[in-house]
Structure formats: structure tokens, C-alpha cells
Amino acid sequence: MNAHAMDARIRSQLAKLDPQTRLEQRCDMEAMDRIKAAGKGYRPDKVIAYSFGDPKTSGNKLKTEGAVFRSKGEWYRLAFKCETSDDHFDVTAFKYRIGDMVPRDDWDAHYLYD
């Protein structure tokens, strides 16, 4: 989602967050948008950047190997690198890799839900 496409309501909500949380939320939104746009049949409705490990942040960059996303009631592993503008509203670089489906038996241990 480019800044010009970001709806004013979402931008307003992001503006209320502290910079670190805004960076994470903006990157999570970008992950959902990219996965959805890739046309592989996924319909992500939630991304969590820290389910299988803590994201690493440095300035305007966030990198995580331990993310997950939910699509059609199932969770999938996700890794991504995200870089934003200084205010953390605009994504300037993004790469991602979708991993395996997370077995339901593992959901509780990683605080995943329907």
C-alpha cells in the first residue's frame, strides 16, 4: 500500500502509535498487501511479526524470520525485511518469503488463534 493509496483513517490511526509500534504495524500491513497482491490464493487477514522469534529493528528497518500470517483460518510461517521512510508511514523496500503452514497442534505455544 503506497502512501497515496493509504486511506486517511488508517494513516490517522498509525499516527497515534509510538514510532517503534508504527514501524511494526506498517510493515505488517505491507506484508498482507504484498501476499494478497501476489495472487497465490492467500487471503491474509492478520500478520504477527514475533510469533516464532523477535523481530530485529534498526532505525527504519525491520527484519523478522519468526512472523506468521493468517489466511482462510490457517496460519503460515513468514519471513520479511521491511524498510520505511523516517516517519514509518511509507514503505521504501520490502521482501518476503512464505513458509510452511503452522500445524494446529503448535498454535497454543505461539499464541495463535482462529
PDB file of N, CA and C in Angstrom:
ATOM      1  N   MET A   1       0.862  -1.171   0.000  1.00  0.00           N
ATOM      2  CA  MET A   1       0.000   0.000   0.000  1.00  0.00           C
ATOM      3  C   MET A   1       0.906   1.231   0.000  1.00  0.00           C
ATOM      4  N   ASN A   2       0.836   2.006  -1.026  1.00  0.00           N
ATOM      5  CA  ASN A   2       1.616   3.230  -1.101  1.00  0.00           C
ATOM      6  C   ASN A   2       0.953   4.315  -0.269  1.00  0.00           C
ATOM      7  N   ALA A   3       1.722   5.320   0.069  1.00  0.00           N
ATOM      8  CA  ALA A   3       1.189   6.400   0.901  1.00  0.00           C
ATOM      9  C   ALA A   3      -0.040   7.039   0.264  1.00  0.00           C
ATOM     10  N   HIS A   4      -0.008   7.236  -1.061  1.00  0.00           N
ATOM     11  CA  HIS A   4      -1.149   7.873  -1.717  1.00  0.00           C
ATOM     12  C   HIS A   4      -2.379   6.976  -1.691  1.00  0.00           C
ATOM     13  N   ALA A   5      -2.181   5.663  -1.543  1.00  0.00           N
ATOM     14  CA  ALA A   5      -3.307   4.735  -1.501  1.00  0.00           C
ATOM     15  C   ALA A   5      -3.793   4.495  -0.070  1.00  0.00           C
ATOM     16  N   MET A   6      -2.976   4.871   0.906  1.00  0.00           N
ATOM     17  CA  MET A   6      -3.341   4.640   2.301  1.00  0.00           C
ATOM     18  C   MET A   6      -4.497   5.548   2.674  1.00  0.00           C
ATOM     19  N   ASP A   7      -5.527   4.945   3.159  1.00  0.00           N
ATOM     20  CA  ASP A   7      -6.705   5.747   3.496  1.00  0.00           C
ATOM     21  C   ASP A   7      -6.421   6.610   4.724  1.00  0.00           C
ATOM     22  N   ALA A   8      -7.043   7.763   4.754  1.00  0.00           N
ATOM     23  CA  ALA A   8      -6.795   8.762   5.796  1.00  0.00           C
ATOM     24  C   ALA A   8      -7.080   8.212   7.192  1.00  0.00           C
ATOM     25  N   ARG A   9      -8.069   7.339   7.287  1.00  0.00           N
ATOM     26  CA  ARG A   9      -8.416   6.750   8.587  1.00  0.00           C
ATOM     27  C   ARG A   9      -7.258   5.885   9.112  1.00  0.00           C
ATOM     28  N   ILE A  10      -6.690   5.078   8.228  1.00  0.00           N
ATOM     29  CA  ILE A  10      -5.566   4.222   8.630  1.00  0.00           C
ATOM     30  C   ILE A  10      -4.363   5.079   8.988  1.00  0.00           C
ATOM     31  N   ARG A  11      -4.092   6.084   8.186  1.00  0.00           N
ATOM     32  CA  ARG A  11      -2.960   6.978   8.460  1.00  0.00           C
ATOM     33  C   ARG A  11      -3.136   7.659   9.819  1.00  0.00           C
ATOM     34  N   SER A  12      -4.353   8.071  10.122  1.00  0.00           N
ATOM     35  CA  SER A  12      -4.655   8.706  11.397  1.00  0.00           C
ATOM     36  C   SER A  12      -4.404   7.749  12.568  1.00  0.00           C
ATOM     37  N   GLN A  13      -4.812   6.498  12.400  1.00  0.00           N
ATOM     38  CA  GLN A  13      -4.590   5.500  13.464  1.00  0.00           C
ATOM     39  C   GLN A  13      -3.096   5.238  13.656  1.00  0.00           C
ATOM     40  N   LEU A  14      -2.358   5.116  12.558  1.00  0.00           N
ATOM     41  CA  LEU A  14      -0.915   4.892  12.657  1.00  0.00           C
ATOM     42  C   LEU A  14      -0.220   6.072  13.341  1.00  0.00           C
ATOM     43  N   ALA A  15      -0.700   7.275  13.084  1.00  0.00           N
ATOM     44  CA  ALA A  15      -0.086   8.478  13.663  1.00  0.00           C
ATOM     45  C   ALA A  15      -0.168   8.485  15.188  1.00  0.00           C
ATOM     46  N   LYS A  16      -1.130   7.765  15.750  1.00  0.00           N
ATOM     47  CA  LYS A  16      -1.300   7.721  17.207  1.00  0.00           C
ATOM     48  C   LYS A  16      -0.321   6.773  17.893  1.00  0.00           C
ATOM     49  N   LEU A  17       0.353   5.943  17.115  1.00  0.00           N
ATOM     50  CA  LEU A  17       1.258   4.943  17.689  1.00  0.00           C
ATOM     51  C   LEU A  17       2.645   5.514  17.925  1.00  0.00           C
ATOM     52  N   ASP A  18       3.360   4.928  18.892  1.00  0.00           N
ATOM     53  CA  ASP A  18       4.756   5.316  19.067  1.00  0.00           C
ATOM     54  C   ASP A  18       5.529   4.846  17.831  1.00  0.00           C
ATOM     55  N   PRO A  19       6.669   5.478  17.531  1.00  0.00           N
ATOM     56  CA  PRO A  19       7.384   5.168  16.287  1.00  0.00           C
ATOM     57  C   PRO A  19       7.728   3.683  16.103  1.00  0.00           C
ATOM     58  N   GLN A  20       8.144   3.005  17.144  1.00  0.00           N
ATOM     59  CA  GLN A  20       8.507   1.592  17.034  1.00  0.00           C
ATOM     60  C   GLN A  20       7.290   0.734  16.663  1.00  0.00           C
ATOM     61  N   THR A  21       6.174   0.978  17.319  1.00  0.00           N
ATOM     62  CA  THR A  21       4.951   0.231  17.031  1.00  0.00           C
ATOM     63  C   THR A  21       4.445   0.566  15.633  1.00  0.00           C
ATOM     64  N   ARG A  22       4.566   1.829  15.233  1.00  0.00           N
ATOM     65  CA  ARG A  22       4.152   2.232  13.891  1.00  0.00           C
ATOM     66  C   ARG A  22       4.970   1.490  12.830  1.00  0.00           C
ATOM     67  N   LEU A  23       6.272   1.386  13.046  1.00  0.00           N
ATOM     68  CA  LEU A  23       7.132   0.652  12.109  1.00  0.00           C
ATOM     69  C   LEU A  23       6.635  -0.782  11.958  1.00  0.00           C
ATOM     70  N   GLU A  24       6.395  -1.458  13.069  1.00  0.00           N
ATOM     71  CA  GLU A  24       5.949  -2.845  13.014  1.00  0.00           C
ATOM     72  C   GLU A  24       4.578  -2.964  12.353  1.00  0.00           C
ATOM     73  N   GLN A  25       3.636  -2.113  12.739  1.00  0.00           N
ATOM     74  CA  GLN A  25       2.296  -2.176  12.166  1.00  0.00           C
ATOM     75  C   GLN A  25       2.309  -1.876  10.664  1.00  0.00           C
ATOM     76  N   ARG A  26       3.097  -0.899  10.264  1.00  0.00           N
ATOM     77  CA  ARG A  26       3.171  -0.527   8.841  1.00  0.00           C
ATOM     78  C   ARG A  26       3.752  -1.671   8.024  1.00  0.00           C
ATOM     79  N   CYS A  27       4.777  -2.331   8.576  1.00  0.00           N
ATOM     80  CA  CYS A  27       5.384  -3.467   7.874  1.00  0.00           C
ATOM     81  C   CYS A  27       4.421  -4.657   7.834  1.00  0.00           C
ATOM     82  N   ASP A  28       3.678  -4.887   8.910  1.00  0.00           N
ATOM     83  CA  ASP A  28       2.670  -5.955   8.911  1.00  0.00           C
ATOM     84  C   ASP A  28       1.619  -5.702   7.830  1.00  0.00           C
ATOM     85  N   MET A  29       1.176  -4.454   7.699  1.00  0.00           N
ATOM     86  CA  MET A  29       0.193  -4.099   6.674  1.00  0.00           C
ATOM     87  C   MET A  29       0.760  -4.340   5.270  1.00  0.00           C
ATOM     88  N   GLU A  30       2.010  -3.970   5.096  1.00  0.00           N
ATOM     89  CA  GLU A  30       2.650  -4.162   3.791  1.00  0.00           C
ATOM     90  C   GLU A  30       2.744  -5.650   3.459  1.00  0.00           C
ATOM     91  N   ALA A  31       3.061  -6.471   4.457  1.00  0.00           N
ATOM     92  CA  ALA A  31       3.133  -7.918   4.232  1.00  0.00           C
ATOM     93  C   ALA A  31       1.782  -8.444   3.750  1.00  0.00           C
ATOM     94  N   MET A  32       0.717  -8.055   4.414  1.00  0.00           N
ATOM     95  CA  MET A  32      -0.613  -8.511   3.995  1.00  0.00           C
ATOM     96  C   MET A  32      -0.921  -8.065   2.566  1.00  0.00           C
ATOM     97  N   ASP A  33      -0.626  -6.813   2.263  1.00  0.00           N
ATOM     98  CA  ASP A  33      -0.905  -6.291   0.925  1.00  0.00           C
ATOM     99  C   ASP A  33      -0.117  -7.036  -0.143  1.00  0.00           C
ATOM    100  N   ARG A  34       1.158  -7.292   0.112  1.00  0.00           N
ATOM    101  CA  ARG A  34       2.001  -7.966  -0.879  1.00  0.00           C
ATOM    102  C   ARG A  34       1.558  -9.411  -1.085  1.00  0.00           C
ATOM    103  N   ILE A  35       1.260 -10.103   0.015  1.00  0.00           N
ATOM    104  CA  ILE A  35       0.827 -11.507  -0.084  1.00  0.00           C
ATOM    105  C   ILE A  35      -0.483 -11.591  -0.862  1.00  0.00           C
ATOM    106  N   LYS A  36      -1.413 -10.697  -0.542  1.00  0.00           N
ATOM    107  CA  LYS A  36      -2.708 -10.672  -1.225  1.00  0.00           C
ATOM    108  C   LYS A  36      -2.519 -10.379  -2.724  1.00  0.00           C
ATOM    109  N   ALA A  37      -1.664  -9.417  -3.043  1.00  0.00           N
ATOM    110  CA  ALA A  37      -1.457  -8.991  -4.427  1.00  0.00           C
ATOM    111  C   ALA A  37      -0.716 -10.032  -5.262  1.00  0.00           C
ATOM    112  N   ALA A  38       0.008 -10.943  -4.619  1.00  0.00           N
ATOM    113  CA  ALA A  38       0.799 -11.934  -5.349  1.00  0.00           C
ATOM    114  C   ALA A  38      -0.081 -12.938  -6.097  1.00  0.00           C
ATOM    115  N   GLY A  39      -1.348 -13.047  -5.707  1.00  0.00           N
ATOM    116  CA  GLY A  39      -2.272 -13.894  -6.437  1.00  0.00           C
ATOM    117  C   GLY A  39      -2.048 -15.385  -6.282  1.00  0.00           C
ATOM    118  N   LYS A  40      -1.531 -15.801  -5.148  1.00  0.00           N
ATOM    119  CA  LYS A  40      -1.270 -17.228  -4.917  1.00  0.00           C
ATOM    120  C   LYS A  40      -2.420 -17.903  -4.168  1.00  0.00           C
ATOM    121  N   GLY A  41      -3.523 -17.205  -4.021  1.00  0.00           N
ATOM    122  CA  GLY A  41      -4.681 -17.788  -3.351  1.00  0.00           C
ATOM    123  C   GLY A  41      -4.765 -17.491  -1.861  1.00  0.00           C
ATOM    124  N   TYR A  42      -3.760 -16.822  -1.312  1.00  0.00           N
ATOM    125  CA  TYR A  42      -3.812 -16.439   0.098  1.00  0.00           C
ATOM    126  C   TYR A  42      -4.710 -15.219   0.267  1.00  0.00           C
ATOM    127  N   ARG A  43      -5.408 -15.176   1.389  1.00  0.00           N
ATOM    128  CA  ARG A  43      -6.218 -14.004   1.736  1.00  0.00           C
ATOM    129  C   ARG A  43      -5.876 -13.606   3.175  1.00  0.00           C
ATOM    130  N   PRO A  44      -4.707 -13.008   3.375  1.00  0.00           N
ATOM    131  CA  PRO A  44      -4.265 -12.696   4.737  1.00  0.00           C
ATOM    132  C   PRO A  44      -5.163 -11.674   5.425  1.00  0.00           C
ATOM    133  N   ASP A  45      -5.473 -11.956   6.699  1.00  0.00           N
ATOM    134  CA  ASP A  45      -6.257 -11.007   7.480  1.00  0.00           C
ATOM    135  C   ASP A  45      -5.553 -10.611   8.766  1.00  0.00           C
ATOM    136  N   LYS A  46      -4.379 -11.204   9.017  1.00  0.00           N
ATOM    137  CA  LYS A  46      -3.619 -10.875  10.223  1.00  0.00           C
ATOM    138  C   LYS A  46      -2.166 -11.269  10.004  1.00  0.00           C
ATOM    139  N   VAL A  47      -1.247 -10.414  10.434  1.00  0.00           N
ATOM    140  CA  VAL A  47       0.185 -10.718  10.448  1.00  0.00           C
ATOM    141  C   VAL A  47       0.683 -10.464  11.857  1.00  0.00           C
ATOM    142  N   ILE A  48       1.491 -11.372  12.371  1.00  0.00           N
ATOM    143  CA  ILE A  48       2.143 -11.189  13.664  1.00  0.00           C
ATOM    144  C   ILE A  48       3.642 -11.354  13.413  1.00  0.00           C
ATOM    145  N   ALA A  49       4.414 -10.339  13.720  1.00  0.00           N
ATOM    146  CA  ALA A  49       5.834 -10.320  13.374  1.00  0.00           C
ATOM    147  C   ALA A  49       6.714 -11.124  14.322  1.00  0.00           C
ATOM    148  N   TYR A  50       6.189 -11.537  15.490  1.00  0.00           N
ATOM    149  CA  TYR A  50       7.052 -12.078  16.541  1.00  0.00           C
ATOM    150  C   TYR A  50       6.656 -13.465  17.047  1.00  0.00           C
ATOM    151  N   SER A  51       5.826 -14.212  16.353  1.00  0.00           N
ATOM    152  CA  SER A  51       5.325 -15.483  16.884  1.00  0.00           C
ATOM    153  C   SER A  51       6.410 -16.537  17.096  1.00  0.00           C
ATOM    154  N   PHE A  52       7.390 -16.596  16.206  1.00  0.00           N
ATOM    155  CA  PHE A  52       8.433 -17.610  16.300  1.00  0.00           C
ATOM    156  C   PHE A  52       9.800 -16.987  16.563  1.00  0.00           C
ATOM    157  N   GLY A  53       9.840 -15.751  16.960  1.00  0.00           N
ATOM    158  CA  GLY A  53      11.103 -15.077  17.256  1.00  0.00           C
ATOM    159  C   GLY A  53      10.916 -13.574  17.177  1.00  0.00           C
ATOM    160  N   ASP A  54      11.735 -12.865  17.913  1.00  0.00           N
ATOM    161  CA  ASP A  54      11.617 -11.407  17.957  1.00  0.00           C
ATOM    162  C   ASP A  54      12.158 -10.764  16.686  1.00  0.00           C
ATOM    163  N   PRO A  55      11.436  -9.787  16.158  1.00  0.00           N
ATOM    164  CA  PRO A  55      11.951  -9.043  15.010  1.00  0.00           C
ATOM    165  C   PRO A  55      13.171  -8.224  15.429  1.00  0.00           C
ATOM    166  N   LYS A  56      14.026  -7.960  14.475  1.00  0.00           N
ATOM    167  CA  LYS A  56      15.183  -7.096  14.709  1.00  0.00           C
ATOM    168  C   LYS A  56      14.894  -5.768  14.012  1.00  0.00           C
ATOM    169  N   THR A  57      15.055  -4.698  14.772  1.00  0.00           N
ATOM    170  CA  THR A  57      14.828  -3.380  14.191  1.00  0.00           C
ATOM    171  C   THR A  57      16.081  -2.537  14.316  1.00  0.00           C
ATOM    172  N   SER A  58      16.257  -1.676  13.349  1.00  0.00           N
ATOM    173  CA  SER A  58      17.352  -0.725  13.353  1.00  0.00           C
ATOM    174  C   SER A  58      16.896   0.482  12.546  1.00  0.00           C
ATOM    175  N   GLY A  59      16.663   1.584  13.235  1.00  0.00           N
ATOM    176  CA  GLY A  59      16.204   2.788  12.546  1.00  0.00           C
ATOM    177  C   GLY A  59      14.886   2.553  11.835  1.00  0.00           C
ATOM    178  N   ASN A  60      14.925   2.617  10.517  1.00  0.00           N
ATOM    179  CA  ASN A  60      13.724   2.464   9.696  1.00  0.00           C
ATOM    180  C   ASN A  60      13.560   1.049   9.153  1.00  0.00           C
ATOM    181  N   LYS A  61      14.332   0.100   9.666  1.00  0.00           N
ATOM    182  CA  LYS A  61      14.312  -1.258   9.127  1.00  0.00           C
ATOM    183  C   LYS A  61      13.807  -2.248  10.165  1.00  0.00           C
ATOM    184  N   LEU A  62      13.026  -3.206   9.666  1.00  0.00           N
ATOM    185  CA  LEU A  62      12.545  -4.301  10.499  1.00  0.00           C
ATOM    186  C   LEU A  62      12.797  -5.589   9.729  1.00  0.00           C
ATOM    187  N   LYS A  63      13.369  -6.569  10.409  1.00  0.00           N
ATOM    188  CA  LYS A  63      13.617  -7.874   9.796  1.00  0.00           C
ATOM    189  C   LYS A  63      13.107  -8.936  10.757  1.00  0.00           C
ATOM    190  N   THR A  64      12.348  -9.898  10.230  1.00  0.00           N
ATOM    191  CA  THR A  64      11.875 -10.989  11.059  1.00  0.00           C
ATOM    192  C   THR A  64      11.890 -12.298  10.294  1.00  0.00           C
ATOM    193  N   GLU A  65      12.374 -13.328  10.948  1.00  0.00           N
ATOM    194  CA  GLU A  65      12.302 -14.693  10.419  1.00  0.00           C
ATOM    195  C   GLU A  65      11.173 -15.441  11.113  1.00  0.00           C
ATOM    196  N   GLY A  66      10.590 -14.838  12.156  1.00  0.00           N
ATOM    197  CA  GLY A  66       9.625 -15.525  13.003  1.00  0.00           C
ATOM    198  C   GLY A  66       8.200 -15.038  12.901  1.00  0.00           C
ATOM    199  N   ALA A  67       7.850 -14.447  11.776  1.00  0.00           N
ATOM    200  CA  ALA A  67       6.492 -13.929  11.600  1.00  0.00           C
ATOM    201  C   ALA A  67       5.546 -15.039  11.137  1.00  0.00           C
ATOM    202  N   VAL A  68       4.262 -14.747  11.238  1.00  0.00           N
ATOM    203  CA  VAL A  68       3.212 -15.615  10.710  1.00  0.00           C
ATOM    204  C   VAL A  68       2.117 -14.734  10.113  1.00  0.00           C
ATOM    205  N   PHE A  69       1.322 -15.336   9.231  1.00  0.00           N
ATOM    206  CA  PHE A  69       0.112 -14.658   8.777  1.00  0.00           C
ATOM    207  C   PHE A  69      -1.014 -15.672   8.728  1.00  0.00           C
ATOM    208  N   ARG A  70      -2.233 -15.148   8.914  1.00  0.00           N
ATOM    209  CA  ARG A  70      -3.420 -15.999   8.875  1.00  0.00           C
ATOM    210  C   ARG A  70      -4.146 -15.774   7.555  1.00  0.00           C
ATOM    211  N   SER A  71      -4.523 -16.888   6.917  1.00  0.00           N
ATOM    212  CA  SER A  71      -5.273 -16.841   5.673  1.00  0.00           C
ATOM    213  C   SER A  71      -6.280 -17.974   5.686  1.00  0.00           C
ATOM    214  N   LYS A  72      -7.555 -17.624   5.498  1.00  0.00           N
ATOM    215  CA  LYS A  72      -8.635 -18.606   5.441  1.00  0.00           C
ATOM    216  C   LYS A  72      -8.612 -19.544   6.654  1.00  0.00           C
ATOM    217  N   GLY A  73      -8.318 -18.982   7.833  1.00  0.00           N
ATOM    218  CA  GLY A  73      -8.369 -19.745   9.074  1.00  0.00           C
ATOM    219  C   GLY A  73      -7.144 -20.579   9.382  1.00  0.00           C
ATOM    220  N   GLU A  74      -6.117 -20.496   8.561  1.00  0.00           N
ATOM    221  CA  GLU A  74      -4.865 -21.224   8.815  1.00  0.00           C
ATOM    222  C   GLU A  74      -3.731 -20.227   8.973  1.00  0.00           C
ATOM    223  N   TRP A  75      -2.719 -20.608   9.744  1.00  0.00           N
ATOM    224  CA  TRP A  75      -1.536 -19.769   9.945  1.00  0.00           C
ATOM    225  C   TRP A  75      -0.371 -20.319   9.136  1.00  0.00           C
ATOM    226  N   TYR A  76       0.433 -19.409   8.583  1.00  0.00           N
ATOM    227  CA  TYR A  76       1.593 -19.773   7.776  1.00  0.00           C
ATOM    228  C   TYR A  76       2.808 -19.009   8.294  1.00  0.00           C
ATOM    229  N   ARG A  77       3.962 -19.681   8.259  1.00  0.00           N
ATOM    230  CA  ARG A  77       5.208 -19.018   8.631  1.00  0.00           C
ATOM    231  C   ARG A  77       5.526 -17.943   7.588  1.00  0.00           C
ATOM    232  N   LEU A  78       6.227 -16.908   8.038  1.00  0.00           N
ATOM    233  CA  LEU A  78       6.553 -15.781   7.171  1.00  0.00           C
ATOM    234  C   LEU A  78       7.850 -15.142   7.636  1.00  0.00           C
ATOM    235  N   ALA A  79       8.682 -14.804   6.682  1.00  0.00           N
ATOM    236  CA  ALA A  79       9.891 -14.019   6.967  1.00  0.00           C
ATOM    237  C   ALA A  79       9.821 -12.783   6.078  1.00  0.00           C
ATOM    238  N   PHE A  80      10.228 -11.647   6.624  1.00  0.00           N
ATOM    239  CA  PHE A  80      10.264 -10.454   5.773  1.00  0.00           C
ATOM    240  C   PHE A  80      11.274  -9.436   6.255  1.00  0.00           C
ATOM    241  N   LYS A  81      11.690  -8.597   5.286  1.00  0.00           N
ATOM    242  CA  LYS A  81      12.536  -7.435   5.547  1.00  0.00           C
ATOM    243  C   LYS A  81      11.761  -6.238   5.043  1.00  0.00           C
ATOM    244  N   CYS A  82      11.686  -5.221   5.871  1.00  0.00           N
ATOM    245  CA  CYS A  82      10.881  -4.045   5.549  1.00  0.00           C
ATOM    246  C   CYS A  82      11.675  -2.797   5.901  1.00  0.00           C
ATOM    247  N   GLU A  83      11.629  -1.814   5.021  1.00  0.00           N
ATOM    248  CA  GLU A  83      12.251  -0.520   5.294  1.00  0.00           C
ATOM    249  C   GLU A  83      11.231   0.562   4.996  1.00  0.00           C
ATOM    250  N   THR A  84      11.151   1.542   5.889  1.00  0.00           N
ATOM    251  CA  THR A  84      10.179   2.623   5.738  1.00  0.00           C
ATOM    252  C   THR A  84      10.860   3.982   5.686  1.00  0.00           C
ATOM    253  N   SER A  85      10.053   4.982   5.390  1.00  0.00           N
ATOM    254  CA  SER A  85      10.504   6.372   5.479  1.00  0.00           C
ATOM    255  C   SER A  85      10.768   6.695   6.958  1.00  0.00           C
ATOM    256  N   ASP A  86      11.382   7.835   7.209  1.00  0.00           N
ATOM    257  CA  ASP A  86      11.720   8.217   8.588  1.00  0.00           C
ATOM    258  C   ASP A  86      10.508   8.262   9.515  1.00  0.00           C
ATOM    259  N   ASP A  87       9.347   8.630   8.977  1.00  0.00           N
ATOM    260  CA  ASP A  87       8.154   8.720   9.825  1.00  0.00           C
ATOM    261  C   ASP A  87       7.399   7.379   9.927  1.00  0.00           C
ATOM    262  N   HIS A  88       7.897   6.360   9.235  1.00  0.00           N
ATOM    263  CA  HIS A  88       7.336   4.997   9.240  1.00  0.00           C
ATOM    264  C   HIS A  88       5.946   4.905   8.606  1.00  0.00           C
ATOM    265  N   PHE A  89       5.607   5.825   7.725  1.00  0.00           N
ATOM    266  CA  PHE A  89       4.336   5.747   7.006  1.00  0.00           C
ATOM    267  C   PHE A  89       4.500   5.087   5.641  1.00  0.00           C
ATOM    268  N   ASP A  90       5.601   5.358   4.961  1.00  0.00           N
ATOM    269  CA  ASP A  90       5.804   4.869   3.597  1.00  0.00           C
ATOM    270  C   ASP A  90       6.826   3.747   3.580  1.00  0.00           C
ATOM    271  N   VAL A  91       6.475   2.640   2.949  1.00  0.00           N
ATOM    272  CA  VAL A  91       7.400   1.521   2.809  1.00  0.00           C
ATOM    273  C   VAL A  91       8.271   1.796   1.587  1.00  0.00           C
ATOM    274  N   THR A  92       9.585   1.773   1.790  1.00  0.00           N
ATOM    275  CA  THR A  92      10.514   2.078   0.703  1.00  0.00           C
ATOM    276  C   THR A  92      11.172   0.825   0.132  1.00  0.00           C
ATOM    277  N   ALA A  93      11.185  -0.274   0.885  1.00  0.00           N
ATOM    278  CA  ALA A  93      11.731  -1.541   0.398  1.00  0.00           C
ATOM    279  C   ALA A  93      11.059  -2.671   1.172  1.00  0.00           C
ATOM    280  N   PHE A  94      10.778  -3.776   0.476  1.00  0.00           N
ATOM    281  CA  PHE A  94      10.113  -4.897   1.140  1.00  0.00           C
ATOM    282  C   PHE A  94      10.401  -6.188   0.388  1.00  0.00           C
ATOM    283  N   LYS A  95      10.798  -7.205   1.135  1.00  0.00           N
ATOM    284  CA  LYS A  95      10.991  -8.560   0.601  1.00  0.00           C
ATOM    285  C   LYS A  95      10.360  -9.522   1.584  1.00  0.00           C
ATOM    286  N   TYR A  96       9.791 -10.601   1.072  1.00  0.00           N
ATOM    287  CA  TYR A  96       9.192 -11.568   1.975  1.00  0.00           C
ATOM    288  C   TYR A  96       9.315 -12.985   1.426  1.00  0.00           C
ATOM    289  N   ARG A  97       9.148 -13.954   2.321  1.00  0.00           N
ATOM    290  CA  ARG A  97       9.169 -15.360   1.965  1.00  0.00           C
ATOM    291  C   ARG A  97       8.120 -16.080   2.801  1.00  0.00           C
ATOM    292  N   ILE A  98       7.226 -16.785   2.149  1.00  0.00           N
ATOM    293  CA  ILE A  98       6.194 -17.560   2.834  1.00  0.00           C
ATOM    294  C   ILE A  98       6.749 -18.948   3.124  1.00  0.00           C
ATOM    295  N   GLY A  99       6.517 -19.405   4.355  1.00  0.00           N
ATOM    296  CA  GLY A  99       6.961 -20.733   4.755  1.00  0.00           C
ATOM    297  C   GLY A  99       5.802 -21.705   4.850  1.00  0.00           C
ATOM    298  N   ASP A 100       5.991 -22.725   5.653  1.00  0.00           N
ATOM    299  CA  ASP A 100       5.004 -23.791   5.803  1.00  0.00           C
ATOM    300  C   ASP A 100       3.807 -23.362   6.641  1.00  0.00           C
ATOM    301  N   MET A 101       2.724 -24.103   6.475  1.00  0.00           N
ATOM    302  CA  MET A 101       1.559 -23.926   7.326  1.00  0.00           C
ATOM    303  C   MET A 101       1.941 -24.360   8.742  1.00  0.00           C
ATOM    304  N   VAL A 102       1.478 -23.622   9.738  1.00  0.00           N
ATOM    305  CA  VAL A 102       1.736 -23.966  11.139  1.00  0.00           C
ATOM    306  C   VAL A 102       0.695 -25.002  11.569  1.00  0.00           C
ATOM    307  N   PRO A 103       1.138 -26.184  12.017  1.00  0.00           N
ATOM    308  CA  PRO A 103       0.175 -27.196  12.465  1.00  0.00           C
ATOM    309  C   PRO A 103      -0.651 -26.682  13.643  1.00  0.00           C
ATOM    310  N   ARG A 104      -1.937 -27.017  13.654  1.00  0.00           N
ATOM    311  CA  ARG A 104      -2.825 -26.569  14.735  1.00  0.00           C
ATOM    312  C   ARG A 104      -2.304 -26.966  16.113  1.00  0.00           C
ATOM    313  N   ASP A 105      -1.602 -28.067  16.200  1.00  0.00           N
ATOM    314  CA  ASP A 105      -1.039 -28.504  17.483  1.00  0.00           C
ATOM    315  C   ASP A 105      -0.029 -27.505  18.038  1.00  0.00           C
ATOM    316  N   ASP A 106       0.529 -26.659  17.183  1.00  0.00           N
ATOM    317  CA  ASP A 106       1.532 -25.673  17.601  1.00  0.00           C
ATOM    318  C   ASP A 106       0.934 -24.303  17.902  1.00  0.00           C
ATOM    319  N   TRP A 107      -0.344 -24.109  17.633  1.00  0.00           N
ATOM    320  CA  TRP A 107      -0.944 -22.794  17.779  1.00  0.00           C
ATOM    321  C   TRP A 107      -0.864 -22.262  19.198  1.00  0.00           C
ATOM    322  N   ASP A 108      -1.240 -23.048  20.181  1.00  0.00           N
ATOM    323  CA  ASP A 108      -1.262 -22.568  21.569  1.00  0.00           C
ATOM    324  C   ASP A 108       0.112 -22.083  22.018  1.00  0.00           C
ATOM    325  N   ALA A 109       1.145 -22.820  21.666  1.00  0.00           N
ATOM    326  CA  ALA A 109       2.510 -22.465  22.095  1.00  0.00           C
ATOM    327  C   ALA A 109       2.966 -21.128  21.524  1.00  0.00           C
ATOM    328  N   HIS A 110       2.353 -20.710  20.425  1.00  0.00           N
ATOM    329  CA  HIS A 110       2.744 -19.457  19.779  1.00  0.00           C
ATOM    330  C   HIS A 110       1.637 -18.411  19.805  1.00  0.00           C
ATOM    331  N   TYR A 111       0.641 -18.652  20.659  1.00  0.00           N
ATOM    332  CA  TYR A 111      -0.467 -17.698  20.874  1.00  0.00           C
ATOM    333  C   TYR A 111      -1.230 -17.388  19.583  1.00  0.00           C
ATOM    334  N   LEU A 112      -1.422 -18.404  18.761  1.00  0.00           N
ATOM    335  CA  LEU A 112      -2.194 -18.246  17.527  1.00  0.00           C
ATOM    336  C   LEU A 112      -3.641 -18.656  17.801  1.00  0.00           C
ATOM    337  N   TYR A 113      -4.546 -18.156  16.998  1.00  0.00           N
ATOM    338  CA  TYR A 113      -5.973 -18.351  17.265  1.00  0.00           C
ATOM    339  C   TYR A 113      -6.754 -18.349  15.958  1.00  0.00           C
ATOM    340  N   ASP A 114      -8.012 -18.825  16.027  1.00  0.00           N
ATOM    341  CA  ASP A 114      -8.888 -18.813  14.846  1.00  0.00           C
ATOM    342  C   ASP A 114      -9.300 -17.418  14.498  1.00  0.00           C
TER     343      ASP A 114
END
